[in-house]
Amino acid sequence: MSRIQLAGLTNAELARYVDNNGVTSATPEELQHVALRFIETFRQSLEAVGGSDVEDLFDEVTQVPFVFA
């Protein structure tokens, strides 16, 4: 994550960053951040099905959940 601070990007910006730079050039830390953000976005979208529009989640900065091994 030395190239850019991923934590401050919206979900759409993060997706665009990875798409523009290519997944194969991403560091393991960047891929882990993207995966954790995706998991949290998916979790929030399941909770939001009954109320707000799921597309609104892509304009937010999603918290990266902690993973306990």
PDB file of N, CA and C in Angstrom:
ATOM      1  N   MET A   1       0.817  -1.187   0.000  1.00  0.00           N
ATOM      2  CA  MET A   1       0.000   0.000   0.000  1.00  0.00           C
ATOM      3  C   MET A   1       0.863   1.253   0.000  1.00  0.00           C
ATOM      4  N   SER A   2       2.075   1.133  -0.436  1.00  0.00           N
ATOM      5  CA  SER A   2       2.962   2.278  -0.435  1.00  0.00           C
ATOM      6  C   SER A   2       2.624   3.268  -1.551  1.00  0.00           C
ATOM      7  N   ARG A   3       1.925   2.824  -2.580  1.00  0.00           N
ATOM      8  CA  ARG A   3       1.622   3.694  -3.707  1.00  0.00           C
ATOM      9  C   ARG A   3       0.516   4.695  -3.410  1.00  0.00           C
ATOM     10  N   ILE A   4      -0.490   4.279  -2.668  1.00  0.00           N
ATOM     11  CA  ILE A   4      -1.647   5.123  -2.407  1.00  0.00           C
ATOM     12  C   ILE A   4      -2.277   4.673  -1.093  1.00  0.00           C
ATOM     13  N   GLN A   5      -2.916   5.597  -0.405  1.00  0.00           N
ATOM     14  CA  GLN A   5      -3.615   5.245   0.821  1.00  0.00           C
ATOM     15  C   GLN A   5      -4.999   4.712   0.452  1.00  0.00           C
ATOM     16  N   LEU A   6      -5.170   3.409   0.537  1.00  0.00           N
ATOM     17  CA  LEU A   6      -6.426   2.786   0.124  1.00  0.00           C
ATOM     18  C   LEU A   6      -7.555   3.041   1.106  1.00  0.00           C
ATOM     19  N   ALA A   7      -7.221   3.251   2.366  1.00  0.00           N
ATOM     20  CA  ALA A   7      -8.254   3.393   3.396  1.00  0.00           C
ATOM     21  C   ALA A   7      -9.131   4.618   3.169  1.00  0.00           C
ATOM     22  N   GLY A   8      -8.638   5.644   2.490  1.00  0.00           N
ATOM     23  CA  GLY A   8      -9.414   6.860   2.274  1.00  0.00           C
ATOM     24  C   GLY A   8     -10.212   6.876   0.990  1.00  0.00           C
ATOM     25  N   LEU A   9     -10.084   5.854   0.164  1.00  0.00           N
ATOM     26  CA  LEU A   9     -10.801   5.814  -1.106  1.00  0.00           C
ATOM     27  C   LEU A   9     -12.217   5.299  -0.923  1.00  0.00           C
ATOM     28  N   THR A  10     -13.127   5.831  -1.731  1.00  0.00           N
ATOM     29  CA  THR A  10     -14.467   5.256  -1.734  1.00  0.00           C
ATOM     30  C   THR A  10     -14.386   3.886  -2.395  1.00  0.00           C
ATOM     31  N   ASN A  11     -15.425   3.111  -2.265  1.00  0.00           N
ATOM     32  CA  ASN A  11     -15.440   1.780  -2.870  1.00  0.00           C
ATOM     33  C   ASN A  11     -15.285   1.860  -4.389  1.00  0.00           C
ATOM     34  N   ALA A  12     -15.945   2.845  -5.013  1.00  0.00           N
ATOM     35  CA  ALA A  12     -15.840   2.998  -6.464  1.00  0.00           C
ATOM     36  C   ALA A  12     -14.425   3.405  -6.861  1.00  0.00           C
ATOM     37  N   GLU A  13     -13.805   4.314  -6.101  1.00  0.00           N
ATOM     38  CA  GLU A  13     -12.431   4.728  -6.389  1.00  0.00           C
ATOM     39  C   GLU A  13     -11.462   3.565  -6.219  1.00  0.00           C
ATOM     40  N   LEU A  14     -11.676   2.759  -5.190  1.00  0.00           N
ATOM     41  CA  LEU A  14     -10.826   1.600  -4.961  1.00  0.00           C
ATOM     42  C   LEU A  14     -10.928   0.611  -6.120  1.00  0.00           C
ATOM     43  N   ALA A  15     -12.139   0.367  -6.578  1.00  0.00           N
ATOM     44  CA  ALA A  15     -12.339  -0.543  -7.714  1.00  0.00           C
ATOM     45  C   ALA A  15     -11.651   0.000  -8.962  1.00  0.00           C
ATOM     46  N   ARG A  16     -11.770   1.305  -9.200  1.00  0.00           N
ATOM     47  CA  ARG A  16     -11.136   1.931 -10.357  1.00  0.00           C
ATOM     48  C   ARG A  16      -9.610   1.852 -10.246  1.00  0.00           C
ATOM     49  N   TYR A  17      -9.067   2.071  -9.038  1.00  0.00           N
ATOM     50  CA  TYR A  17      -7.622   2.000  -8.814  1.00  0.00           C
ATOM     51  C   TYR A  17      -7.081   0.615  -9.165  1.00  0.00           C
ATOM     52  N   VAL A  18      -7.752  -0.418  -8.662  1.00  0.00           N
ATOM     53  CA  VAL A  18      -7.291  -1.787  -8.926  1.00  0.00           C
ATOM     54  C   VAL A  18      -7.478  -2.133 -10.398  1.00  0.00           C
ATOM     55  N   ASP A  19      -8.578  -1.686 -10.973  1.00  0.00           N
ATOM     56  CA  ASP A  19      -8.830  -1.963 -12.383  1.00  0.00           C
ATOM     57  C   ASP A  19      -7.786  -1.289 -13.265  1.00  0.00           C
ATOM     58  N   ASN A  20      -7.427  -0.048 -12.965  1.00  0.00           N
ATOM     59  CA  ASN A  20      -6.448   0.689 -13.767  1.00  0.00           C
ATOM     60  C   ASN A  20      -5.041   0.127 -13.628  1.00  0.00           C
ATOM     61  N   ASN A  21      -4.684  -0.333 -12.439  1.00  0.00           N
ATOM     62  CA  ASN A  21      -3.331  -0.821 -12.192  1.00  0.00           C
ATOM     63  C   ASN A  21      -3.179  -2.311 -12.441  1.00  0.00           C
ATOM     64  N   GLY A  22      -4.265  -3.010 -12.528  1.00  0.00           N
ATOM     65  CA  GLY A  22      -4.217  -4.448 -12.767  1.00  0.00           C
ATOM     66  C   GLY A  22      -4.043  -5.234 -11.480  1.00  0.00           C
ATOM     67  N   VAL A  23      -4.777  -6.289 -11.371  1.00  0.00           N
ATOM     68  CA  VAL A  23      -4.733  -7.123 -10.168  1.00  0.00           C
ATOM     69  C   VAL A  23      -3.380  -7.800 -10.032  1.00  0.00           C
ATOM     70  N   THR A  24      -2.766  -8.148 -11.143  1.00  0.00           N
ATOM     71  CA  THR A  24      -1.488  -8.867 -11.070  1.00  0.00           C
ATOM     72  C   THR A  24      -0.355  -7.992 -10.552  1.00  0.00           C
ATOM     73  N   SER A  25      -0.494  -6.669 -10.648  1.00  0.00           N
ATOM     74  CA  SER A  25       0.549  -5.785 -10.138  1.00  0.00           C
ATOM     75  C   SER A  25       0.279  -5.325  -8.710  1.00  0.00           C
ATOM     76  N   ALA A  26      -0.853  -5.704  -8.148  1.00  0.00           N
ATOM     77  CA  ALA A  26      -1.197  -5.306  -6.779  1.00  0.00           C
ATOM     78  C   ALA A  26      -0.366  -6.097  -5.778  1.00  0.00           C
ATOM     79  N   THR A  27      -0.021  -5.440  -4.691  1.00  0.00           N
ATOM     80  CA  THR A  27       0.721  -6.105  -3.627  1.00  0.00           C
ATOM     81  C   THR A  27      -0.231  -6.995  -2.836  1.00  0.00           C
ATOM     82  N   PRO A  28       0.288  -7.961  -2.105  1.00  0.00           N
ATOM     83  CA  PRO A  28      -0.585  -8.785  -1.264  1.00  0.00           C
ATOM     84  C   PRO A  28      -1.388  -7.946  -0.262  1.00  0.00           C
ATOM     85  N   GLU A  29      -0.789  -6.872   0.256  1.00  0.00           N
ATOM     86  CA  GLU A  29      -1.505  -6.008   1.197  1.00  0.00           C
ATOM     87  C   GLU A  29      -2.674  -5.300   0.515  1.00  0.00           C
ATOM     88  N   GLU A  30      -2.456  -4.847  -0.720  1.00  0.00           N
ATOM     89  CA  GLU A  30      -3.536  -4.205  -1.462  1.00  0.00           C
ATOM     90  C   GLU A  30      -4.656  -5.191  -1.746  1.00  0.00           C
ATOM     91  N   LEU A  31      -4.309  -6.396  -2.156  1.00  0.00           N
ATOM     92  CA  LEU A  31      -5.331  -7.412  -2.429  1.00  0.00           C
ATOM     93  C   LEU A  31      -6.105  -7.773  -1.174  1.00  0.00           C
ATOM     94  N   GLN A  32      -5.409  -7.851  -0.050  1.00  0.00           N
ATOM     95  CA  GLN A  32      -6.090  -8.143   1.209  1.00  0.00           C
ATOM     96  C   GLN A  32      -7.054  -7.024   1.569  1.00  0.00           C
ATOM     97  N   HIS A  33      -6.641  -5.783   1.387  1.00  0.00           N
ATOM     98  CA  HIS A  33      -7.512  -4.654   1.678  1.00  0.00           C
ATOM     99  C   HIS A  33      -8.761  -4.687   0.799  1.00  0.00           C
ATOM    100  N   VAL A  34      -8.569  -4.952  -0.487  1.00  0.00           N
ATOM    101  CA  VAL A  34      -9.698  -5.024  -1.415  1.00  0.00           C
ATOM    102  C   VAL A  34     -10.650  -6.148  -1.015  1.00  0.00           C
ATOM    103  N   ALA A  35     -10.095  -7.302  -0.680  1.00  0.00           N
ATOM    104  CA  ALA A  35     -10.933  -8.445  -0.304  1.00  0.00           C
ATOM    105  C   ALA A  35     -11.732  -8.154   0.961  1.00  0.00           C
ATOM    106  N   LEU A  36     -11.092  -7.579   1.957  1.00  0.00           N
ATOM    107  CA  LEU A  36     -11.792  -7.270   3.202  1.00  0.00           C
ATOM    108  C   LEU A  36     -12.865  -6.206   2.988  1.00  0.00           C
ATOM    109  N   ARG A  37     -12.562  -5.224   2.142  1.00  0.00           N
ATOM    110  CA  ARG A  37     -13.545  -4.182   1.833  1.00  0.00           C
ATOM    111  C   ARG A  37     -14.734  -4.795   1.104  1.00  0.00           C
ATOM    112  N   PHE A  38     -14.483  -5.721   0.164  1.00  0.00           N
ATOM    113  CA  PHE A  38     -15.557  -6.385  -0.556  1.00  0.00           C
ATOM    114  C   PHE A  38     -16.452  -7.168   0.401  1.00  0.00           C
ATOM    115  N   ILE A  39     -15.828  -7.879   1.329  1.00  0.00           N
ATOM    116  CA  ILE A  39     -16.596  -8.653   2.306  1.00  0.00           C
ATOM    117  C   ILE A  39     -17.511  -7.733   3.104  1.00  0.00           C
ATOM    118  N   GLU A  40     -16.977  -6.604   3.560  1.00  0.00           N
ATOM    119  CA  GLU A  40     -17.787  -5.672   4.347  1.00  0.00           C
ATOM    120  C   GLU A  40     -18.888  -5.045   3.500  1.00  0.00           C
ATOM    121  N   THR A  41     -18.602  -4.715   2.255  1.00  0.00           N
ATOM    122  CA  THR A  41     -19.615  -4.154   1.366  1.00  0.00           C
ATOM    123  C   THR A  41     -20.730  -5.164   1.114  1.00  0.00           C
ATOM    124  N   PHE A  42     -20.350  -6.420   0.894  1.00  0.00           N
ATOM    125  CA  PHE A  42     -21.346  -7.470   0.683  1.00  0.00           C
ATOM    126  C   PHE A  42     -22.213  -7.643   1.920  1.00  0.00           C
ATOM    127  N   ARG A  43     -21.585  -7.634   3.085  1.00  0.00           N
ATOM    128  CA  ARG A  43     -22.323  -7.766   4.336  1.00  0.00           C
ATOM    129  C   ARG A  43     -23.309  -6.612   4.503  1.00  0.00           C
ATOM    130  N   GLN A  44     -22.859  -5.388   4.215  1.00  0.00           N
ATOM    131  CA  GLN A  44     -23.742  -4.229   4.331  1.00  0.00           C
ATOM    132  C   GLN A  44     -24.865  -4.271   3.308  1.00  0.00           C
ATOM    133  N   SER A  45     -24.572  -4.761   2.105  1.00  0.00           N
ATOM    134  CA  SER A  45     -25.612  -4.808   1.085  1.00  0.00           C
ATOM    135  C   SER A  45     -26.712  -5.787   1.474  1.00  0.00           C
ATOM    136  N   LEU A  46     -26.348  -6.864   2.139  1.00  0.00           N
ATOM    137  CA  LEU A  46     -27.366  -7.802   2.606  1.00  0.00           C
ATOM    138  C   LEU A  46     -28.258  -7.165   3.659  1.00  0.00           C
ATOM    139  N   GLU A  47     -27.668  -6.342   4.515  1.00  0.00           N
ATOM    140  CA  GLU A  47     -28.445  -5.656   5.545  1.00  0.00           C
ATOM    141  C   GLU A  47     -29.310  -4.559   4.941  1.00  0.00           C
ATOM    142  N   ALA A  48     -28.873  -3.980   3.822  1.00  0.00           N
ATOM    143  CA  ALA A  48     -29.563  -2.844   3.225  1.00  0.00           C
ATOM    144  C   ALA A  48     -30.681  -3.244   2.269  1.00  0.00           C
ATOM    145  N   VAL A  49     -30.830  -4.503   1.987  1.00  0.00           N
ATOM    146  CA  VAL A  49     -31.815  -4.941   0.990  1.00  0.00           C
ATOM    147  C   VAL A  49     -33.217  -4.467   1.344  1.00  0.00           C
ATOM    148  N   GLY A  50     -33.534  -4.452   2.597  1.00  0.00           N
ATOM    149  CA  GLY A  50     -34.875  -4.051   3.001  1.00  0.00           C
ATOM    150  C   GLY A  50     -35.108  -2.559   2.958  1.00  0.00           C
ATOM    151  N   GLY A  51     -34.047  -1.754   2.920  1.00  0.00           N
ATOM    152  CA  GLY A  51     -34.223  -0.313   3.004  1.00  0.00           C
ATOM    153  C   GLY A  51     -33.589   0.459   1.869  1.00  0.00           C
ATOM    154  N   SER A  52     -32.391   0.948   2.084  1.00  0.00           N
ATOM    155  CA  SER A  52     -31.763   1.859   1.124  1.00  0.00           C
ATOM    156  C   SER A  52     -31.257   1.124  -0.114  1.00  0.00           C
ATOM    157  N   ASP A  53     -30.880   1.912  -1.092  1.00  0.00           N
ATOM    158  CA  ASP A  53     -30.378   1.385  -2.362  1.00  0.00           C
ATOM    159  C   ASP A  53     -28.961   0.846  -2.182  1.00  0.00           C
ATOM    160  N   VAL A  54     -28.717  -0.358  -2.660  1.00  0.00           N
ATOM    161  CA  VAL A  54     -27.407  -0.996  -2.526  1.00  0.00           C
ATOM    162  C   VAL A  54     -26.336  -0.201  -3.278  1.00  0.00           C
ATOM    163  N   GLU A  55     -26.691   0.470  -4.357  1.00  0.00           N
ATOM    164  CA  GLU A  55     -25.725   1.251  -5.135  1.00  0.00           C
ATOM    165  C   GLU A  55     -25.110   2.373  -4.304  1.00  0.00           C
ATOM    166  N   ASP A  56     -25.797   2.849  -3.270  1.00  0.00           N
ATOM    167  CA  ASP A  56     -25.259   3.899  -2.407  1.00  0.00           C
ATOM    168  C   ASP A  56     -23.991   3.453  -1.697  1.00  0.00           C
ATOM    169  N   LEU A  57     -23.823   2.151  -1.503  1.00  0.00           N
ATOM    170  CA  LEU A  57     -22.645   1.645  -0.815  1.00  0.00           C
ATOM    171  C   LEU A  57     -21.367   1.921  -1.585  1.00  0.00           C
ATOM    172  N   PHE A  58     -21.453   2.059  -2.904  1.00  0.00           N
ATOM    173  CA  PHE A  58     -20.263   2.267  -3.715  1.00  0.00           C
ATOM    174  C   PHE A  58     -19.737   3.695  -3.612  1.00  0.00           C
ATOM    175  N   ASP A  59     -20.510   4.595  -3.042  1.00  0.00           N
ATOM    176  CA  ASP A  59     -20.072   5.975  -2.853  1.00  0.00           C
ATOM    177  C   ASP A  59     -19.576   6.211  -1.434  1.00  0.00           C
ATOM    178  N   GLU A  60     -19.416   5.173  -0.667  1.00  0.00           N
ATOM    179  CA  GLU A  60     -18.973   5.291   0.712  1.00  0.00           C
ATOM    180  C   GLU A  60     -17.562   4.743   0.862  1.00  0.00           C
ATOM    181  N   VAL A  61     -16.929   5.113   1.949  1.00  0.00           N
ATOM    182  CA  VAL A  61     -15.666   4.502   2.345  1.00  0.00           C
ATOM    183  C   VAL A  61     -16.032   3.440   3.364  1.00  0.00           C
ATOM    184  N   THR A  62     -15.931   2.185   2.963  1.00  0.00           N
ATOM    185  CA  THR A  62     -16.349   1.081   3.813  1.00  0.00           C
ATOM    186  C   THR A  62     -15.246   0.726   4.797  1.00  0.00           C
ATOM    187  N   GLN A  63     -15.608   0.531   6.043  1.00  0.00           N
ATOM    188  CA  GLN A  63     -14.656   0.095   7.055  1.00  0.00           C
ATOM    189  C   GLN A  63     -14.138  -1.287   6.688  1.00  0.00           C
ATOM    190  N   VAL A  64     -12.864  -1.526   6.896  1.00  0.00           N
ATOM    191  CA  VAL A  64     -12.289  -2.841   6.671  1.00  0.00           C
ATOM    192  C   VAL A  64     -12.410  -3.619   7.967  1.00  0.00           C
ATOM    193  N   PRO A  65     -13.112  -4.751   7.944  1.00  0.00           N
ATOM    194  CA  PRO A  65     -13.307  -5.501   9.181  1.00  0.00           C
ATOM    195  C   PRO A  65     -12.010  -6.166   9.642  1.00  0.00           C
ATOM    196  N   PHE A  66     -11.921  -6.425  10.921  1.00  0.00           N
ATOM    197  CA  PHE A  66     -10.785  -7.165  11.448  1.00  0.00           C
ATOM    198  C   PHE A  66     -11.015  -8.654  11.225  1.00  0.00           C
ATOM    199  N   VAL A  67      -9.983  -9.353  10.837  1.00  0.00           N
ATOM    200  CA  VAL A  67     -10.068 -10.798  10.617  1.00  0.00           C
ATOM    201  C   VAL A  67      -9.201 -11.483  11.659  1.00  0.00           C
ATOM    202  N   PHE A  68      -9.808 -12.396  12.377  1.00  0.00           N
ATOM    203  CA  PHE A  68      -9.081 -13.138  13.397  1.00  0.00           C
ATOM    204  C   PHE A  68      -8.809 -14.540  12.868  1.00  0.00           C
ATOM    205  N   ALA A  69      -7.557 -14.925  12.861  1.00  0.00           N
ATOM    206  CA  ALA A  69      -7.192 -16.244  12.346  1.00  0.00           C
ATOM    207  C   ALA A  69      -7.121 -17.253  13.479  1.00  0.00           C
TER     208      ALA A  69
END
